[in-house]
Amino acid sequence: MKVTKYRICLFSKNPDKLALFYTEVLGFNQVVKVDREDDYGYGIEAVKGYKLWIAKHSKVNGVNSNPFQIIISFYVDNINDYFSVLNLHPEIKIIENPTETCMNIKGEERVVGSFLDPDGNCVQLIQLMNI
């Protein structure tokens, strides 16, 4: 068996607002919009070939009640640039500002920060120190 591709799906009561956050605040690219009676959402590309599918779902209401059960992680080249943008949006709840971690494990040194997206999903940004 072999995995050939994967996608993260974020279902939302308001996919338009969520898609705008990932494109306008985080700078990801919208690569597709589907607007059919039985399917409505956006393909958002964080890295070429890897997409978030942000879509409407009839069983989703409000924000995520347990944002820490699943954390979406993005490896970035400059975490401070992202947090500078996030800090311009007081409605975004910062969980942890960029913090060094794993500093005693050679090759695993990193800076990690996390926040909640508009639907209350926990997003973690990671910058590896050894690149």
N, C-alpha and C. Protein backbone atom coordinates (compact mmCIF):
# COMPACT_ATOMS: atom_id res chain seq x y z
N MET A 1 0.84 -1.18 0.00
CA MET A 1 0.00 0.00 0.00
C MET A 1 0.88 1.24 0.00
N LYS A 2 0.34 2.32 -0.59
CA LYS A 2 1.12 3.55 -0.69
C LYS A 2 0.17 4.73 -0.77
N VAL A 3 0.43 5.75 0.00
CA VAL A 3 -0.33 7.00 -0.09
C VAL A 3 0.27 7.80 -1.22
N THR A 4 -0.56 8.31 -2.12
CA THR A 4 -0.06 9.08 -3.25
C THR A 4 -0.34 10.57 -3.12
N LYS A 5 -1.24 10.95 -2.22
CA LYS A 5 -1.61 12.34 -2.06
C LYS A 5 -2.44 12.46 -0.78
N TYR A 6 -2.54 13.64 -0.24
CA TYR A 6 -3.46 13.84 0.86
C TYR A 6 -4.01 15.25 0.82
N ARG A 7 -5.10 15.45 1.53
CA ARG A 7 -5.74 16.76 1.59
C ARG A 7 -6.33 16.91 2.98
N ILE A 8 -6.28 18.11 3.51
CA ILE A 8 -6.92 18.43 4.77
C ILE A 8 -8.23 19.13 4.44
N CYS A 9 -9.31 18.68 5.03
CA CYS A 9 -10.62 19.29 4.82
C CYS A 9 -11.02 20.05 6.08
N LEU A 10 -11.37 21.31 5.91
CA LEU A 10 -11.90 22.12 6.98
C LEU A 10 -13.34 22.46 6.61
N PHE A 11 -14.28 21.87 7.31
CA PHE A 11 -15.68 22.17 7.02
C PHE A 11 -16.13 23.29 7.94
N SER A 12 -16.99 24.14 7.40
CA SER A 12 -17.34 25.37 8.08
C SER A 12 -18.77 25.77 7.77
N LYS A 13 -19.35 26.52 8.68
CA LYS A 13 -20.65 27.13 8.41
C LYS A 13 -20.45 28.32 7.46
N ASN A 14 -19.26 28.92 7.50
CA ASN A 14 -18.97 30.09 6.67
C ASN A 14 -17.63 29.90 5.94
N PRO A 15 -17.61 29.06 4.89
CA PRO A 15 -16.34 28.82 4.20
C PRO A 15 -15.78 30.06 3.50
N ASP A 16 -16.64 31.01 3.14
CA ASP A 16 -16.14 32.23 2.49
C ASP A 16 -15.20 32.99 3.43
N LYS A 17 -15.62 33.17 4.68
CA LYS A 17 -14.80 33.88 5.67
C LYS A 17 -13.52 33.11 5.97
N LEU A 18 -13.63 31.81 6.10
CA LEU A 18 -12.46 30.99 6.41
C LEU A 18 -11.46 31.00 5.25
N ALA A 19 -11.96 30.90 4.03
CA ALA A 19 -11.08 30.94 2.85
C ALA A 19 -10.37 32.30 2.75
N LEU A 20 -11.08 33.38 3.05
CA LEU A 20 -10.44 34.70 3.03
C LEU A 20 -9.31 34.78 4.05
N PHE A 21 -9.49 34.20 5.22
CA PHE A 21 -8.43 34.20 6.23
C PHE A 21 -7.17 33.50 5.69
N TYR A 22 -7.35 32.31 5.12
CA TYR A 22 -6.19 31.55 4.66
C TYR A 22 -5.54 32.19 3.43
N THR A 23 -6.31 32.92 2.62
CA THR A 23 -5.70 33.56 1.45
C THR A 23 -5.19 34.96 1.77
N GLU A 24 -6.01 35.78 2.41
CA GLU A 24 -5.62 37.18 2.63
C GLU A 24 -4.69 37.39 3.82
N VAL A 25 -4.88 36.63 4.89
CA VAL A 25 -4.03 36.82 6.07
C VAL A 25 -2.77 35.95 5.97
N LEU A 26 -2.93 34.66 5.68
CA LEU A 26 -1.77 33.78 5.61
C LEU A 26 -1.09 33.78 4.25
N GLY A 27 -1.76 34.31 3.22
CA GLY A 27 -1.13 34.43 1.91
C GLY A 27 -1.12 33.17 1.07
N PHE A 28 -1.97 32.19 1.40
CA PHE A 28 -2.07 30.98 0.59
C PHE A 28 -2.85 31.30 -0.68
N ASN A 29 -2.80 30.41 -1.66
CA ASN A 29 -3.43 30.65 -2.96
C ASN A 29 -4.72 29.87 -3.12
N GLN A 30 -5.77 30.58 -3.52
CA GLN A 30 -7.01 29.89 -3.89
C GLN A 30 -6.80 29.35 -5.30
N VAL A 31 -6.94 28.05 -5.48
CA VAL A 31 -6.72 27.45 -6.78
C VAL A 31 -8.00 26.93 -7.43
N VAL A 32 -9.05 26.82 -6.63
CA VAL A 32 -10.33 26.37 -7.19
C VAL A 32 -11.46 26.85 -6.28
N LYS A 33 -12.60 27.14 -6.90
CA LYS A 33 -13.83 27.41 -6.16
C LYS A 33 -14.91 26.56 -6.79
N VAL A 34 -15.62 25.82 -5.96
CA VAL A 34 -16.73 25.00 -6.42
C VAL A 34 -18.00 25.60 -5.85
N ASP A 35 -18.98 25.86 -6.71
CA ASP A 35 -20.24 26.44 -6.28
C ASP A 35 -21.39 25.72 -6.98
N ARG A 36 -21.69 24.52 -6.44
CA ARG A 36 -22.79 23.72 -6.96
C ARG A 36 -23.79 23.51 -5.84
N GLU A 37 -24.97 23.09 -6.20
CA GLU A 37 -26.01 22.86 -5.19
C GLU A 37 -25.57 21.84 -4.14
N ASP A 38 -24.86 20.82 -4.55
CA ASP A 38 -24.48 19.76 -3.63
C ASP A 38 -23.04 19.87 -3.12
N ASP A 39 -22.33 20.91 -3.53
CA ASP A 39 -20.93 21.05 -3.12
C ASP A 39 -20.53 22.51 -3.24
N TYR A 40 -20.00 23.08 -2.16
CA TYR A 40 -19.60 24.48 -2.15
C TYR A 40 -18.32 24.62 -1.34
N GLY A 41 -17.27 25.12 -1.97
CA GLY A 41 -16.05 25.31 -1.21
C GLY A 41 -14.89 25.79 -2.04
N TYR A 42 -13.74 25.80 -1.40
CA TYR A 42 -12.52 26.35 -1.99
C TYR A 42 -11.36 25.37 -1.84
N GLY A 43 -10.56 25.29 -2.87
CA GLY A 43 -9.28 24.61 -2.79
C GLY A 43 -8.22 25.66 -2.54
N ILE A 44 -7.57 25.59 -1.41
CA ILE A 44 -6.56 26.57 -1.01
C ILE A 44 -5.22 25.84 -0.97
N GLU A 45 -4.28 26.34 -1.75
CA GLU A 45 -2.97 25.69 -1.83
C GLU A 45 -1.98 26.41 -0.91
N ALA A 46 -1.51 25.68 0.10
CA ALA A 46 -0.51 26.22 1.01
C ALA A 46 0.89 26.05 0.42
N VAL A 47 1.13 24.91 -0.15
CA VAL A 47 2.37 24.55 -0.83
C VAL A 47 1.96 23.85 -2.12
N LYS A 48 2.67 24.08 -3.18
CA LYS A 48 2.30 23.48 -4.46
C LYS A 48 2.03 21.97 -4.30
N GLY A 49 0.82 21.59 -4.70
CA GLY A 49 0.43 20.19 -4.64
C GLY A 49 -0.24 19.76 -3.35
N TYR A 50 -0.27 20.65 -2.35
CA TYR A 50 -0.88 20.31 -1.06
C TYR A 50 -1.98 21.33 -0.77
N LYS A 51 -3.21 20.85 -0.70
CA LYS A 51 -4.34 21.76 -0.56
C LYS A 51 -5.12 21.55 0.72
N LEU A 52 -5.69 22.66 1.15
CA LEU A 52 -6.76 22.63 2.14
C LEU A 52 -8.05 22.67 1.33
N TRP A 53 -9.03 21.89 1.71
CA TRP A 53 -10.36 22.00 1.12
C TRP A 53 -11.22 22.64 2.18
N ILE A 54 -11.68 23.86 1.93
CA ILE A 54 -12.52 24.60 2.87
C ILE A 54 -13.91 24.65 2.27
N ALA A 55 -14.86 24.03 2.96
CA ALA A 55 -16.18 23.86 2.36
C ALA A 55 -17.30 23.95 3.38
N LYS A 56 -18.47 24.19 2.86
CA LYS A 56 -19.68 24.21 3.68
C LYS A 56 -20.08 22.77 4.00
N HIS A 57 -20.56 22.58 5.23
CA HIS A 57 -21.04 21.26 5.63
C HIS A 57 -22.29 21.47 6.48
N SER A 58 -23.34 20.76 6.15
CA SER A 58 -24.63 20.96 6.82
C SER A 58 -24.60 20.59 8.31
N LYS A 59 -23.66 19.79 8.72
CA LYS A 59 -23.60 19.36 10.13
C LYS A 59 -22.63 20.19 10.97
N VAL A 60 -22.06 21.25 10.38
CA VAL A 60 -21.13 22.11 11.12
C VAL A 60 -21.83 23.41 11.45
N ASN A 61 -21.82 23.75 12.74
CA ASN A 61 -22.39 25.01 13.22
C ASN A 61 -21.43 25.64 14.20
N GLY A 62 -21.16 26.93 14.05
CA GLY A 62 -20.31 27.64 15.00
C GLY A 62 -18.84 27.26 14.87
N VAL A 63 -18.11 27.58 15.95
CA VAL A 63 -16.67 27.34 15.95
C VAL A 63 -16.37 25.96 16.54
N ASN A 64 -15.16 25.51 16.29
CA ASN A 64 -14.67 24.22 16.78
C ASN A 64 -14.71 24.22 18.31
N SER A 65 -15.39 23.24 18.89
CA SER A 65 -15.51 23.18 20.36
C SER A 65 -14.28 22.56 21.02
N ASN A 66 -13.42 21.90 20.27
CA ASN A 66 -12.20 21.31 20.83
C ASN A 66 -11.04 21.55 19.86
N PRO A 67 -10.54 22.80 19.82
CA PRO A 67 -9.55 23.15 18.81
C PRO A 67 -8.22 22.42 18.92
N PHE A 68 -7.96 21.76 20.04
CA PHE A 68 -6.66 21.12 20.23
C PHE A 68 -6.68 19.63 19.92
N GLN A 69 -7.83 19.12 19.50
CA GLN A 69 -7.88 17.70 19.16
C GLN A 69 -7.11 17.43 17.87
N ILE A 70 -7.23 18.32 16.92
CA ILE A 70 -6.45 18.23 15.68
C ILE A 70 -5.80 19.59 15.47
N ILE A 71 -4.50 19.59 15.28
CA ILE A 71 -3.77 20.84 15.03
C ILE A 71 -3.19 20.77 13.62
N ILE A 72 -3.44 21.81 12.85
CA ILE A 72 -2.91 21.89 11.49
C ILE A 72 -1.57 22.59 11.57
N SER A 73 -0.52 21.95 11.08
CA SER A 73 0.83 22.53 11.16
C SER A 73 1.34 22.87 9.76
N PHE A 74 1.92 24.05 9.66
CA PHE A 74 2.56 24.49 8.43
C PHE A 74 4.01 24.83 8.76
N TYR A 75 4.93 24.25 8.00
CA TYR A 75 6.35 24.58 8.15
C TYR A 75 6.61 25.81 7.29
N VAL A 76 7.19 26.83 7.89
CA VAL A 76 7.38 28.12 7.21
C VAL A 76 8.84 28.53 7.24
N ASP A 77 9.18 29.47 6.37
CA ASP A 77 10.57 29.92 6.30
C ASP A 77 10.87 31.04 7.29
N ASN A 78 9.86 31.83 7.68
CA ASN A 78 10.09 32.92 8.63
C ASN A 78 8.84 33.11 9.48
N ILE A 79 8.82 32.47 10.62
CA ILE A 79 7.64 32.49 11.48
C ILE A 79 7.31 33.90 11.97
N ASN A 80 8.34 34.72 12.19
CA ASN A 80 8.10 36.07 12.69
C ASN A 80 7.35 36.92 11.68
N ASP A 81 7.59 36.72 10.38
CA ASP A 81 6.83 37.44 9.37
C ASP A 81 5.34 37.12 9.47
N TYR A 82 5.01 35.84 9.65
CA TYR A 82 3.61 35.44 9.78
C TYR A 82 2.97 36.04 11.03
N PHE A 83 3.68 35.99 12.15
CA PHE A 83 3.11 36.52 13.38
C PHE A 83 3.00 38.03 13.34
N SER A 84 3.85 38.71 12.59
CA SER A 84 3.70 40.15 12.42
C SER A 84 2.37 40.46 11.74
N VAL A 85 2.00 39.66 10.75
CA VAL A 85 0.72 39.84 10.07
C VAL A 85 -0.44 39.45 10.99
N LEU A 86 -0.32 38.32 11.67
CA LEU A 86 -1.38 37.87 12.58
C LEU A 86 -1.66 38.91 13.67
N ASN A 87 -0.62 39.54 14.17
CA ASN A 87 -0.79 40.53 15.23
C ASN A 87 -1.52 41.79 14.76
N LEU A 88 -1.66 41.97 13.46
CA LEU A 88 -2.44 43.09 12.92
C LEU A 88 -3.95 42.80 12.98
N HIS A 89 -4.31 41.59 13.35
CA HIS A 89 -5.70 41.15 13.38
C HIS A 89 -6.08 40.79 14.81
N PRO A 90 -6.58 41.76 15.59
CA PRO A 90 -6.88 41.50 17.00
C PRO A 90 -7.95 40.42 17.22
N GLU A 91 -8.72 40.11 16.19
CA GLU A 91 -9.74 39.07 16.32
C GLU A 91 -9.14 37.66 16.29
N ILE A 92 -7.88 37.54 15.89
CA ILE A 92 -7.21 36.24 15.86
C ILE A 92 -6.62 35.96 17.24
N LYS A 93 -7.01 34.84 17.83
CA LYS A 93 -6.52 34.48 19.16
C LYS A 93 -5.18 33.76 19.03
N ILE A 94 -4.14 34.39 19.54
CA ILE A 94 -2.81 33.79 19.56
C ILE A 94 -2.75 32.86 20.78
N ILE A 95 -2.40 31.61 20.55
CA ILE A 95 -2.27 30.63 21.63
C ILE A 95 -0.85 30.66 22.19
N GLU A 96 0.13 30.69 21.29
CA GLU A 96 1.53 30.73 21.72
C GLU A 96 2.32 31.54 20.71
N ASN A 97 2.97 32.59 21.17
CA ASN A 97 3.87 33.35 20.30
C ASN A 97 5.07 32.48 19.97
N PRO A 98 5.79 32.81 18.89
CA PRO A 98 6.94 31.99 18.50
C PRO A 98 7.88 31.73 19.68
N THR A 99 8.13 30.43 19.89
CA THR A 99 8.92 29.97 21.02
C THR A 99 9.90 28.90 20.55
N GLU A 100 11.15 29.02 20.96
CA GLU A 100 12.13 27.98 20.62
C GLU A 100 11.82 26.70 21.37
N THR A 101 11.98 25.57 20.70
CA THR A 101 11.73 24.28 21.32
C THR A 101 12.67 23.24 20.74
N CYS A 102 12.82 22.15 21.43
CA CYS A 102 13.70 21.04 21.02
C CYS A 102 15.14 21.49 20.84
N MET A 103 15.55 22.49 21.58
CA MET A 103 16.88 23.05 21.40
C MET A 103 17.99 22.09 21.85
N ASN A 104 17.64 21.09 22.63
CA ASN A 104 18.64 20.12 23.09
C ASN A 104 18.67 18.85 22.24
N ILE A 105 17.94 18.86 21.13
CA ILE A 105 17.92 17.70 20.23
C ILE A 105 18.52 18.13 18.89
N LYS A 106 19.75 17.73 18.63
CA LYS A 106 20.46 18.15 17.42
C LYS A 106 19.65 17.79 16.17
N GLY A 107 19.46 18.77 15.31
CA GLY A 107 18.72 18.58 14.07
C GLY A 107 17.22 18.78 14.20
N GLU A 108 16.71 18.92 15.41
CA GLU A 108 15.28 19.11 15.64
C GLU A 108 14.95 20.50 16.17
N GLU A 109 15.94 21.38 16.26
CA GLU A 109 15.72 22.71 16.79
C GLU A 109 14.70 23.44 15.93
N ARG A 110 13.76 24.11 16.60
CA ARG A 110 12.69 24.78 15.87
C ARG A 110 12.08 25.90 16.69
N VAL A 111 11.35 26.76 15.99
CA VAL A 111 10.54 27.79 16.61
C VAL A 111 9.10 27.46 16.26
N VAL A 112 8.23 27.47 17.27
CA VAL A 112 6.84 27.08 17.09
C VAL A 112 5.93 28.16 17.66
N GLY A 113 4.85 28.45 16.96
CA GLY A 113 3.82 29.36 17.44
C GLY A 113 2.47 28.86 16.98
N SER A 114 1.42 29.19 17.72
CA SER A 114 0.09 28.70 17.33
C SER A 114 -0.99 29.74 17.58
N PHE A 115 -2.09 29.58 16.86
CA PHE A 115 -3.21 30.51 16.95
C PHE A 115 -4.47 29.78 16.50
N LEU A 116 -5.62 30.41 16.73
CA LEU A 116 -6.89 29.86 16.26
C LEU A 116 -7.34 30.60 15.02
N ASP A 117 -7.75 29.85 13.99
CA ASP A 117 -8.31 30.48 12.80
C ASP A 117 -9.73 30.97 13.13
N PRO A 118 -10.42 31.66 12.21
CA PRO A 118 -11.75 32.20 12.52
C PRO A 118 -12.79 31.16 12.94
N ASP A 119 -12.60 29.90 12.59
CA ASP A 119 -13.53 28.86 13.01
C ASP A 119 -13.08 28.15 14.29
N GLY A 120 -12.00 28.61 14.89
CA GLY A 120 -11.53 28.03 16.14
C GLY A 120 -10.65 26.81 15.97
N ASN A 121 -10.16 26.55 14.76
CA ASN A 121 -9.23 25.45 14.53
C ASN A 121 -7.83 25.90 14.92
N CYS A 122 -7.10 25.06 15.61
CA CYS A 122 -5.75 25.42 16.02
C CYS A 122 -4.78 25.22 14.86
N VAL A 123 -4.04 26.28 14.56
CA VAL A 123 -3.04 26.27 13.50
C VAL A 123 -1.68 26.51 14.15
N GLN A 124 -0.72 25.70 13.77
CA GLN A 124 0.62 25.80 14.32
C GLN A 124 1.59 26.10 13.17
N LEU A 125 2.43 27.09 13.37
CA LEU A 125 3.49 27.40 12.43
C LEU A 125 4.80 26.93 13.03
N ILE A 126 5.63 26.31 12.18
CA ILE A 126 6.90 25.76 12.64
C ILE A 126 8.00 26.24 11.70
N GLN A 127 9.05 26.78 12.29
CA GLN A 127 10.24 27.14 11.52
C GLN A 127 11.41 26.31 12.02
N LEU A 128 11.94 25.48 11.15
CA LEU A 128 13.10 24.67 11.53
C LEU A 128 14.33 25.56 11.58
N MET A 129 15.19 25.34 12.56
CA MET A 129 16.37 26.18 12.73
C MET A 129 17.55 25.69 11.89
N ASN A 130 17.51 24.44 11.44
CA ASN A 130 18.66 23.86 10.75
C ASN A 130 18.58 23.97 9.23
N ILE A 131 17.75 24.88 8.73
CA ILE A 131 17.69 25.04 7.27
C ILE A 131 18.31 26.34 6.85
